[in-house]
N, C-alpha and C. Protein backbone atom coordinates (compact mmCIF):
# COMPACT_ATOMS: atom_id res chain seq x y z
N MET A 1 63.56 116.28 90.04
CA MET A 1 62.47 115.59 90.17
C MET A 1 62.25 114.71 88.97
N ARG A 2 62.28 115.21 87.44
CA ARG A 2 61.90 114.35 86.17
C ARG A 2 62.79 113.11 87.02
N MET A 3 64.32 113.37 86.66
CA MET A 3 65.22 112.16 87.13
C MET A 3 64.90 111.44 88.15
N GLU A 4 64.95 111.78 89.56
CA GLU A 4 64.53 111.13 90.27
C GLU A 4 62.68 109.95 90.18
N LYS A 5 61.72 110.46 89.03
CA LYS A 5 60.92 109.36 88.81
C LYS A 5 61.51 108.87 88.23
N SER A 6 62.29 108.58 86.85
CA SER A 6 62.77 107.84 85.76
C SER A 6 63.07 106.88 86.42
N ARG A 7 64.46 107.11 87.29
CA ARG A 7 64.95 106.28 88.13
C ARG A 7 64.35 105.47 88.50
N GLN A 8 63.05 105.62 89.35
CA GLN A 8 61.82 104.81 90.43
C GLN A 8 61.01 103.95 89.11
N TRP A 9 61.12 104.49 88.41
CA TRP A 9 60.70 103.63 87.27
C TRP A 9 61.56 102.49 86.40
N PHE A 10 62.73 103.23 86.17
CA PHE A 10 63.61 102.08 85.99
C PHE A 10 64.02 100.65 86.91
N VAL A 11 63.77 100.85 88.30
CA VAL A 11 64.24 99.93 89.24
C VAL A 11 63.08 99.14 89.42
N ALA A 12 61.70 99.78 89.48
CA ALA A 12 60.77 99.61 89.17
C ALA A 12 60.18 98.24 88.23
N ALA A 13 61.32 98.54 86.84
CA ALA A 13 60.31 97.62 85.95
C ALA A 13 61.60 96.27 86.42
N PHE A 14 62.21 96.50 86.78
CA PHE A 14 63.52 95.67 86.55
C PHE A 14 63.72 94.77 88.11
N MET A 15 63.21 95.38 89.40
CA MET A 15 62.51 94.82 90.64
C MET A 15 61.20 94.11 89.98
N ALA A 16 60.44 94.45 89.20
CA ALA A 16 58.77 93.59 89.22
C ALA A 16 59.24 92.25 88.18
N GLY A 17 60.24 92.71 87.43
CA GLY A 17 60.71 91.74 86.13
C GLY A 17 61.39 90.27 87.15
N PHE A 18 62.35 90.91 87.82
CA PHE A 18 62.87 89.95 88.91
C PHE A 18 62.09 89.22 89.61
N ILE A 19 61.34 90.02 90.99
CA ILE A 19 60.57 89.05 91.13
C ILE A 19 59.46 87.92 90.49
N CYS A 20 58.85 88.53 89.16
CA CYS A 20 58.49 87.43 88.86
C CYS A 20 59.07 86.33 87.97
N GLY A 21 60.35 86.57 88.34
CA GLY A 21 61.51 85.74 87.45
C GLY A 21 61.82 84.83 88.54
N ILE A 22 61.94 85.05 89.78
CA ILE A 22 61.60 84.29 91.01
C ILE A 22 60.78 83.31 91.22
N LEU A 23 59.79 84.01 91.27
CA LEU A 23 58.21 83.46 91.37
C LEU A 23 58.00 82.47 90.00
N PHE A 24 58.39 82.79 89.19
CA PHE A 24 58.15 81.68 87.58
C PHE A 24 58.40 80.56 87.93
N ALA A 25 60.00 80.85 88.22
CA ALA A 25 60.88 79.64 88.46
C ALA A 25 60.61 78.80 89.70
N ASN A 26 60.14 79.62 90.77
CA ASN A 26 59.61 78.95 91.64
C ASN A 26 58.49 77.96 91.65
N LEU A 27 57.02 78.76 90.74
CA LEU A 27 55.90 78.06 91.02
C LEU A 27 56.12 77.10 89.54
N PHE A 28 56.11 77.57 88.54
CA PHE A 28 55.92 77.02 87.43
C PHE A 28 57.12 75.87 86.29
N ALA A 29 58.63 76.45 86.45
CA ALA A 29 59.48 76.02 86.17
C ALA A 29 60.41 75.13 87.32
N LYS A 30 60.22 75.02 88.29
CA LYS A 30 60.68 74.39 88.77
C LYS A 30 61.81 73.40 88.57
N GLU A 31 61.14 72.17 87.97
CA GLU A 31 61.65 70.83 86.96
C GLU A 31 62.61 71.49 86.49
N TYR A 32 61.97 72.22 85.76
CA TYR A 32 62.60 72.85 84.40
C TYR A 32 64.11 73.22 84.98
N VAL A 33 63.77 74.49 85.61
CA VAL A 33 65.28 74.81 86.19
C VAL A 33 66.52 74.00 86.70
N THR A 34 66.26 72.72 87.43
CA THR A 34 66.53 71.82 88.12
C THR A 34 67.13 70.74 87.41
N GLU A 35 66.77 70.40 86.37
CA GLU A 35 67.14 69.36 85.66
C GLU A 35 68.42 69.48 85.13
N SER A 36 68.52 70.95 84.04
CA SER A 36 69.65 70.29 82.74
C SER A 36 70.12 72.29 83.00
N GLY A 37 70.98 72.29 82.19
CA GLY A 37 71.59 73.74 81.87
C GLY A 37 72.94 73.69 82.55
N ILE A 38 73.43 75.08 82.19
CA ILE A 38 74.59 75.57 83.12
C ILE A 38 74.82 75.21 84.45
N PHE A 39 74.34 74.75 85.15
CA PHE A 39 74.47 74.20 86.54
C PHE A 39 74.71 72.70 86.50
N ASP A 40 74.46 72.24 85.36
CA ASP A 40 74.34 70.76 85.39
C ASP A 40 76.20 70.39 85.80
N PRO A 41 76.28 69.18 86.34
CA PRO A 41 77.99 69.08 86.62
C PRO A 41 78.35 68.65 85.65
N TYR A 42 77.85 68.17 85.08
CA TYR A 42 78.31 67.32 83.55
C TYR A 42 78.92 68.41 83.03
N PHE A 43 77.86 69.39 82.46
CA PHE A 43 78.34 70.78 81.68
C PHE A 43 79.47 71.66 82.66
N LEU A 44 79.50 71.18 83.52
CA LEU A 44 80.30 72.70 84.50
C LEU A 44 82.10 71.71 84.32
N ASN A 45 81.46 70.55 84.51
CA ASN A 45 83.12 69.62 84.14
C ASN A 45 83.53 69.89 82.94
N GLN A 46 82.86 69.99 81.84
CA GLN A 46 83.29 70.00 80.55
C GLN A 46 83.53 71.48 80.40
N TYR A 47 82.72 72.60 80.79
CA TYR A 47 83.74 73.96 81.00
C TYR A 47 84.58 74.14 81.39
N ALA A 48 85.03 73.91 82.70
CA ALA A 48 86.52 73.72 82.82
C ALA A 48 87.43 72.77 82.62
N GLN A 49 87.08 72.02 81.62
CA GLN A 49 88.25 71.40 80.88
C GLN A 49 88.34 71.94 79.41
N SER A 50 87.74 72.86 78.98
CA SER A 50 87.48 72.94 77.54
C SER A 50 88.24 74.48 77.48
N ASP A 51 89.04 74.30 76.19
CA ASP A 51 90.33 75.77 76.09
C ASP A 51 89.32 76.49 74.67
N VAL A 52 88.39 77.54 74.86
CA VAL A 52 87.79 78.04 73.75
C VAL A 52 88.68 79.43 73.52
N PRO A 53 89.35 79.48 72.16
CA PRO A 53 89.99 80.41 71.68
C PRO A 53 89.44 81.63 71.86
N PRO A 54 90.09 82.89 72.50
CA PRO A 54 89.04 84.29 72.73
C PRO A 54 89.02 84.89 71.55
N ARG A 55 89.53 84.65 70.47
CA ARG A 55 89.15 85.57 69.40
C ARG A 55 88.31 84.74 68.46
N GLU A 56 88.03 83.38 68.56
CA GLU A 56 86.69 82.63 68.11
C GLU A 56 85.50 82.96 68.72
N TYR A 57 85.55 83.29 70.25
CA TYR A 57 84.94 83.59 71.17
C TYR A 57 84.25 84.96 71.02
N ILE A 58 84.83 85.65 71.14
CA ILE A 58 84.65 87.32 70.68
C ILE A 58 83.84 87.30 69.74
N ILE A 59 83.80 86.37 68.84
CA ILE A 59 83.20 86.70 67.17
C ILE A 59 81.89 86.42 67.74
N TYR A 60 81.55 85.04 68.29
CA TYR A 60 80.48 84.65 68.76
C TYR A 60 79.77 85.89 69.62
N LEU A 61 80.37 85.75 70.71
CA LEU A 61 79.74 86.97 71.17
C LEU A 61 79.59 88.32 70.84
N CYS A 62 80.24 88.78 69.82
CA CYS A 62 79.53 90.25 68.91
C CYS A 62 78.10 89.74 68.40
N GLY A 63 78.05 88.55 67.83
CA GLY A 63 76.87 88.49 67.59
C GLY A 63 75.43 88.14 68.61
N ILE A 64 75.77 87.97 70.07
CA ILE A 64 74.46 87.53 71.27
C ILE A 64 74.68 89.09 71.84
N ARG A 65 75.21 89.53 71.43
CA ARG A 65 75.45 90.97 72.38
C ARG A 65 74.78 92.09 71.78
N ILE A 66 75.68 92.13 70.55
CA ILE A 66 75.50 93.68 69.53
C ILE A 66 74.22 93.73 68.40
N LEU A 67 73.08 91.71 68.64
CA LEU A 67 72.44 91.94 67.78
C LEU A 67 71.14 92.49 68.63
N PRO A 68 70.86 92.45 69.97
CA PRO A 68 69.66 92.85 70.53
C PRO A 68 69.95 94.29 70.76
N LEU A 69 71.16 94.71 70.44
CA LEU A 69 71.41 95.84 71.36
C LEU A 69 70.75 96.95 69.31
N CYS A 70 71.15 96.25 68.27
CA CYS A 70 70.27 96.65 67.22
C CYS A 70 69.03 96.63 67.37
N PHE A 71 68.34 95.64 67.36
CA PHE A 71 66.89 95.56 67.83
C PHE A 71 66.46 96.70 68.66
N ILE A 72 67.33 97.29 69.66
CA ILE A 72 66.27 98.20 70.83
C ILE A 72 66.43 99.49 70.40
N ILE A 73 67.53 99.43 69.24
CA ILE A 73 67.68 101.06 68.50
C ILE A 73 66.63 101.03 67.53
N LEU A 74 66.31 99.99 67.21
CA LEU A 74 65.15 99.89 65.89
C LEU A 74 63.88 100.32 66.38
N VAL A 75 63.77 99.30 67.03
CA VAL A 75 62.31 100.06 68.41
C VAL A 75 62.61 101.02 68.57
N GLY A 76 63.38 101.47 69.10
CA GLY A 76 63.84 102.99 69.33
C GLY A 76 63.13 103.86 69.27
N GLN A 77 63.37 103.72 67.60
CA GLN A 77 62.71 104.94 66.55
C GLN A 77 60.88 104.50 66.43
N THR A 78 60.59 104.18 66.84
CA THR A 78 59.32 104.08 67.25
C THR A 78 59.04 104.84 67.82
N ARG A 79 57.20 104.81 68.24
CA ARG A 79 56.32 105.33 68.77
C ARG A 79 56.51 104.62 70.41
N ILE A 80 56.68 103.30 70.64
CA ILE A 80 56.85 102.59 71.62
C ILE A 80 58.01 102.47 72.22
N ARG A 81 59.04 103.42 71.75
CA ARG A 81 60.40 103.57 72.86
C ARG A 81 60.68 103.54 74.51
N LYS A 82 59.00 104.22 74.64
CA LYS A 82 59.52 104.37 76.00
C LYS A 82 58.98 102.90 76.77
N ALA A 83 58.08 102.62 76.63
CA ALA A 83 57.52 100.93 76.80
C ALA A 83 58.48 99.73 76.52
N MET A 84 59.02 100.10 75.34
CA MET A 84 60.36 99.34 75.12
C MET A 84 61.46 99.40 76.08
N ALA A 85 62.30 100.23 76.95
CA ALA A 85 63.21 100.49 77.16
C ALA A 85 62.38 100.29 79.35
N LEU A 86 61.38 99.66 79.23
CA LEU A 86 60.73 99.07 80.76
C LEU A 86 60.33 98.17 80.31
N PHE A 87 60.10 97.55 79.37
CA PHE A 87 60.05 96.25 78.66
C PHE A 87 61.41 95.24 79.04
N VAL A 88 62.67 96.22 78.55
CA VAL A 88 63.77 95.43 78.16
C VAL A 88 64.10 95.40 79.90
N LEU A 89 64.36 96.40 80.44
CA LEU A 89 64.36 96.22 81.91
C LEU A 89 63.88 95.07 82.67
N GLY A 90 62.49 95.29 82.59
CA GLY A 90 61.96 94.13 83.14
C GLY A 90 62.03 92.52 82.48
N TRP A 91 62.43 92.41 81.51
CA TRP A 91 62.83 90.93 80.88
C TRP A 91 63.94 90.88 81.80
N THR A 92 65.17 91.54 81.37
CA THR A 92 66.21 91.69 82.44
C THR A 92 66.43 91.03 83.69
N GLY A 93 65.10 92.05 84.29
CA GLY A 93 64.97 91.26 85.68
C GLY A 93 64.57 89.80 85.78
N PHE A 94 63.36 89.87 84.73
CA PHE A 94 62.96 88.46 84.84
C PHE A 94 64.41 86.89 84.45
N ALA A 95 64.54 87.10 83.53
CA ALA A 95 65.47 86.51 83.67
C ALA A 95 66.84 86.23 84.37
N GLY A 96 67.35 87.51 85.32
CA GLY A 96 68.15 87.61 86.17
C GLY A 96 67.61 87.08 87.54
N GLY A 97 66.05 87.41 87.68
CA GLY A 97 65.79 86.66 89.03
C GLY A 97 65.35 84.75 88.39
N MET A 98 65.36 84.67 87.09
CA MET A 98 65.02 82.79 86.67
C MET A 98 66.66 82.33 87.12
N LEU A 99 67.40 83.15 86.53
CA LEU A 99 68.81 82.37 86.76
C LEU A 99 69.20 82.20 88.56
N ALA A 100 69.15 83.28 89.25
CA ALA A 100 69.33 83.53 90.28
C ALA A 100 68.72 82.03 91.12
N CYS A 101 67.39 81.94 90.41
CA CYS A 101 66.60 80.93 91.57
C CYS A 101 67.43 79.37 90.79
N ALA A 102 67.59 79.36 90.02
CA ALA A 102 67.88 78.03 89.21
C ALA A 102 69.22 78.17 89.84
N GLY A 103 70.16 78.98 89.64
CA GLY A 103 71.12 78.80 90.60
C GLY A 103 71.48 78.18 91.95
N ILE A 104 70.49 78.87 92.79
CA ILE A 104 70.57 78.16 94.35
C ILE A 104 69.73 76.97 94.58
N LEU A 105 68.02 77.02 93.28
CA LEU A 105 68.23 75.66 93.40
C LEU A 105 68.99 74.61 93.25
N ASN A 106 69.83 74.90 92.05
CA ASN A 106 70.86 73.61 91.70
C ASN A 106 72.56 73.29 92.59
N MET A 107 72.76 74.27 92.81
CA MET A 107 74.17 74.42 93.58
C MET A 107 74.01 75.09 94.96
N GLY A 108 72.83 76.11 95.37
CA GLY A 108 72.89 76.32 96.94
C GLY A 108 73.52 77.39 96.77
N LEU A 109 74.15 78.30 97.98
CA LEU A 109 74.92 79.83 97.54
C LEU A 109 76.30 79.42 96.68
N ALA A 110 76.70 78.54 96.51
CA ALA A 110 77.46 78.08 95.46
C ALA A 110 77.16 78.68 94.00
N GLY A 111 75.66 78.13 93.76
CA GLY A 111 75.08 78.36 92.58
C GLY A 111 75.10 80.06 92.47
N LEU A 112 74.62 80.85 93.43
CA LEU A 112 74.81 82.26 93.51
C LEU A 112 76.37 82.87 93.32
N ALA A 113 77.23 81.97 93.58
CA ALA A 113 78.93 82.86 93.68
C ALA A 113 79.04 82.50 92.02
N PHE A 114 78.65 81.27 91.91
CA PHE A 114 79.10 81.18 90.05
C PHE A 114 78.62 81.86 88.95
N LEU A 115 76.80 82.43 89.38
CA LEU A 115 76.41 83.39 88.94
C LEU A 115 76.76 84.39 88.66
N MET A 116 77.53 85.27 90.15
CA MET A 116 78.01 86.31 90.69
C MET A 116 79.53 86.46 89.09
N ILE A 117 80.50 85.18 89.57
CA ILE A 117 81.39 84.98 88.80
C ILE A 117 81.67 85.12 87.53
N GLY A 118 80.36 84.30 86.71
CA GLY A 118 79.75 84.27 85.22
C GLY A 118 79.74 85.77 84.34
N LEU A 119 79.19 86.29 85.23
CA LEU A 119 78.78 88.07 85.18
C LEU A 119 79.83 88.84 85.28
N ALA A 120 80.66 88.24 85.98
CA ALA A 120 81.65 89.34 86.67
C ALA A 120 83.27 89.24 85.12
N PRO A 121 83.96 90.56 85.02
CA PRO A 121 83.25 91.77 85.03
C PRO A 121 82.84 92.56 84.27
N GLN A 122 82.24 91.70 82.76
CA GLN A 122 81.81 92.36 81.92
C GLN A 122 80.42 92.99 81.73
N LEU A 123 79.24 92.71 83.01
CA LEU A 123 78.55 93.09 83.49
C LEU A 123 77.74 94.52 83.85
N LEU A 124 78.83 94.99 84.08
CA LEU A 124 79.11 96.35 84.29
C LEU A 124 79.31 97.14 83.24
N PHE A 125 79.74 96.77 82.46
CA PHE A 125 80.33 97.15 81.26
C PHE A 125 78.98 97.28 80.41
N TYR A 126 78.25 95.94 80.26
CA TYR A 126 77.04 95.79 79.26
C TYR A 126 76.19 96.85 80.21
N ALA A 127 75.87 96.80 81.32
CA ALA A 127 74.83 97.54 82.08
C ALA A 127 74.99 98.71 81.65
N LEU A 128 75.81 99.66 81.93
CA LEU A 128 76.05 101.37 81.46
C LEU A 128 76.17 101.09 80.03
N ALA A 129 76.29 100.45 78.91
CA ALA A 129 76.27 100.38 77.85
C ALA A 129 74.52 100.70 77.60
N TYR A 130 73.98 99.59 77.88
CA TYR A 130 72.90 99.59 77.48
C TYR A 130 71.68 100.55 78.02
N LEU A 131 71.65 100.93 79.77
CA LEU A 131 71.06 101.84 80.45
C LEU A 131 71.40 103.95 79.46
N VAL A 132 72.46 103.62 79.05
CA VAL A 132 72.29 104.98 78.31
C VAL A 132 71.58 105.21 77.30
N ILE A 133 71.70 103.89 76.30
CA ILE A 133 71.17 103.83 74.99
C ILE A 133 69.15 103.90 75.56
N LEU A 134 69.06 103.04 76.55
CA LEU A 134 67.26 102.62 77.41
C LEU A 134 67.18 104.33 77.97
N TRP A 135 67.90 105.30 78.76
CA TRP A 135 67.72 105.88 79.06
C TRP A 135 67.13 107.12 77.99
N TYR A 136 67.97 107.48 77.19
CA TYR A 136 67.97 108.47 76.12
C TYR A 136 66.42 108.00 75.45
N PHE A 137 66.04 106.69 75.15
CA PHE A 137 64.88 106.59 74.26
C PHE A 137 63.44 106.56 75.65
N PHE A 138 64.20 106.20 77.43
CA PHE A 138 62.95 106.69 77.60
C PHE A 138 62.52 108.04 77.90
N HIS A 139 63.80 109.29 77.92
CA HIS A 139 63.50 110.25 77.53
C HIS A 139 63.51 111.42 76.33
N TYR A 140 63.00 110.42 75.21
CA TYR A 140 63.20 111.16 74.06
C TYR A 140 61.85 111.84 74.01
N PRO A 141 61.60 113.05 73.55
CA PRO A 141 62.33 114.03 72.90
C PRO A 141 63.30 114.93 73.37
N GLN A 142 63.32 114.85 75.01
CA GLN A 142 63.75 115.59 75.81
C GLN A 142 65.34 115.44 75.61
N ALA A 143 65.45 114.38 75.67
CA ALA A 143 66.91 113.75 75.60
C ALA A 143 67.45 114.00 74.11
N ARG A 144 68.75 114.61 74.17
CA ARG A 144 69.40 114.18 72.63
C ARG A 144 70.90 113.49 72.71
N TRP A 145 70.79 113.17 71.45
CA TRP A 145 71.93 111.83 71.40
C TRP A 145 72.83 112.73 70.96
N ASN A 146 74.18 112.46 71.17
CA ASN A 146 75.41 113.26 71.10
C ASN A 146 76.64 112.32 70.74
N MET A 147 77.54 112.97 70.06
CA MET A 147 78.76 112.10 69.83
C MET A 147 78.97 111.40 71.20
N GLY A 148 79.27 112.57 72.25
CA GLY A 148 80.04 111.93 73.74
C GLY A 148 79.35 110.56 74.29
N LYS A 149 77.52 110.33 73.64
CA LYS A 149 76.97 109.23 74.37
C LYS A 149 77.24 107.81 73.41
N THR A 150 78.00 108.46 71.96
CA THR A 150 77.96 107.24 71.26
C THR A 150 79.40 106.60 71.24
N ILE A 151 80.22 107.39 71.70
CA ILE A 151 81.71 106.91 71.75
C ILE A 151 81.95 106.41 73.28
N PHE A 152 80.69 106.63 74.49
CA PHE A 152 80.68 105.75 75.68
C PHE A 152 80.08 104.92 75.39
N VAL A 153 78.83 104.42 74.76
CA VAL A 153 78.07 102.79 74.20
C VAL A 153 79.51 102.32 73.58
N ILE A 154 80.23 102.69 72.76
CA ILE A 154 80.90 101.96 71.50
C ILE A 154 82.07 101.69 72.54
N LEU A 155 82.55 102.29 73.32
CA LEU A 155 83.88 101.70 74.63
C LEU A 155 82.98 100.74 75.77
N PHE A 156 81.95 101.24 76.04
CA PHE A 156 81.54 100.08 76.99
C PHE A 156 81.40 98.75 76.39
N LEU A 157 80.64 98.96 75.35
CA LEU A 157 80.45 97.35 74.74
C LEU A 157 81.76 96.94 74.12
N VAL A 158 82.43 97.56 73.77
CA VAL A 158 84.03 97.10 73.13
C VAL A 158 84.60 95.79 74.71
N ALA A 159 84.50 97.38 75.94
CA ALA A 159 85.02 97.21 76.92
C ALA A 159 84.07 95.30 77.34
N GLY A 160 83.28 95.11 77.60
CA GLY A 160 82.11 94.17 78.13
C GLY A 160 82.98 92.91 77.11
N LEU A 161 82.61 93.18 75.97
CA LEU A 161 83.18 91.97 74.69
C LEU A 161 84.66 91.69 75.00
N LEU A 162 85.42 92.50 75.24
CA LEU A 162 86.64 92.20 75.73
C LEU A 162 87.22 91.61 77.09
N THR A 163 86.35 91.69 78.20
CA THR A 163 86.38 91.31 79.33
C THR A 163 85.62 90.28 79.11
N GLU A 164 84.30 90.02 78.45
CA GLU A 164 83.84 88.47 78.57
C GLU A 164 84.71 87.53 78.01
N ALA A 165 85.34 87.73 77.03
CA ALA A 165 86.36 86.83 76.05
C ALA A 165 87.84 86.82 76.72
N TYR A 166 88.17 87.54 77.05
CA TYR A 166 89.64 87.05 77.62
C TYR A 166 89.73 87.21 79.16
N VAL A 167 88.48 87.87 80.34
CA VAL A 167 88.91 87.98 81.37
C VAL A 167 88.29 86.60 82.38
N ASN A 168 86.63 86.77 81.58
CA ASN A 168 85.92 85.57 82.73
C ASN A 168 86.45 84.49 82.23
N PRO A 169 86.33 83.59 81.25
CA PRO A 169 86.92 82.46 81.25
C PRO A 169 87.70 81.56 82.13
N ILE A 170 89.12 83.55 82.14
CA ILE A 170 90.04 82.82 83.57
C ILE A 170 89.35 82.75 84.72
N LEU A 171 88.51 83.83 85.11
CA LEU A 171 87.80 83.60 86.55
C LEU A 171 86.64 82.61 86.82
N MET A 172 86.41 82.18 85.62
CA MET A 172 85.36 80.83 85.41
C MET A 172 86.07 79.51 86.18
N LYS A 173 87.28 79.39 85.49
CA LYS A 173 87.97 78.33 85.79
C LYS A 173 88.33 77.72 86.34
N LEU A 174 89.06 79.38 87.50
CA LEU A 174 89.39 79.40 89.03
C LEU A 174 88.19 79.07 89.78
N TYR A 175 87.48 79.82 89.79
CA TYR A 175 86.49 79.01 90.09
C TYR A 175 85.90 77.59 90.08
N LEU A 176 85.58 77.04 89.27
CA LEU A 176 85.00 75.56 88.76
C LEU A 176 86.25 74.90 89.44
N ASN A 177 87.45 75.02 89.30
CA ASN A 177 88.61 74.05 89.83
C ASN A 177 88.32 74.51 91.50
N THR A 178 88.12 74.98 92.23
CA THR A 178 87.53 75.55 93.50
C THR A 178 86.58 74.18 93.91
N LEU A 179 85.40 73.92 93.12
CA LEU A 179 84.33 72.66 93.26
C LEU A 179 84.74 71.47 93.80
């Protein structure tokens, strides 16, 4: 019963953020999300023609993917760990809602496909790694951290980094060449 309640909290936080992101993009930031950014044809053309060395890209990714994780772990050591876990899920939903809305407003269904390809396959690995950590902080002190969770998080973060650096650029270029 407790697990089901926690799952409901996680889904509710994410979905509330997702809906707020869509509403915010449509009501307050419609001009902003349609003016420029990753959906700009010039940017897409430049991306399709660029060749970023995966080794350099993975160093960049380590900074932007692991730094938030370190921040979550630090905040997780405080009394607000449960609220932080729900906030991270809500913020992730908000960002997802904004991106989905921006993709659809700029490119229609092709924008949604662009987002799905842009998130594949690394999102699965990152989401599972972060969910293990957030789940732990949400259930602390009943939940215990152990070596299995540590290995799982490290392996899935590394898998996310590798797929984002080596696989995703190939998928993105293949898709962009079809537009």
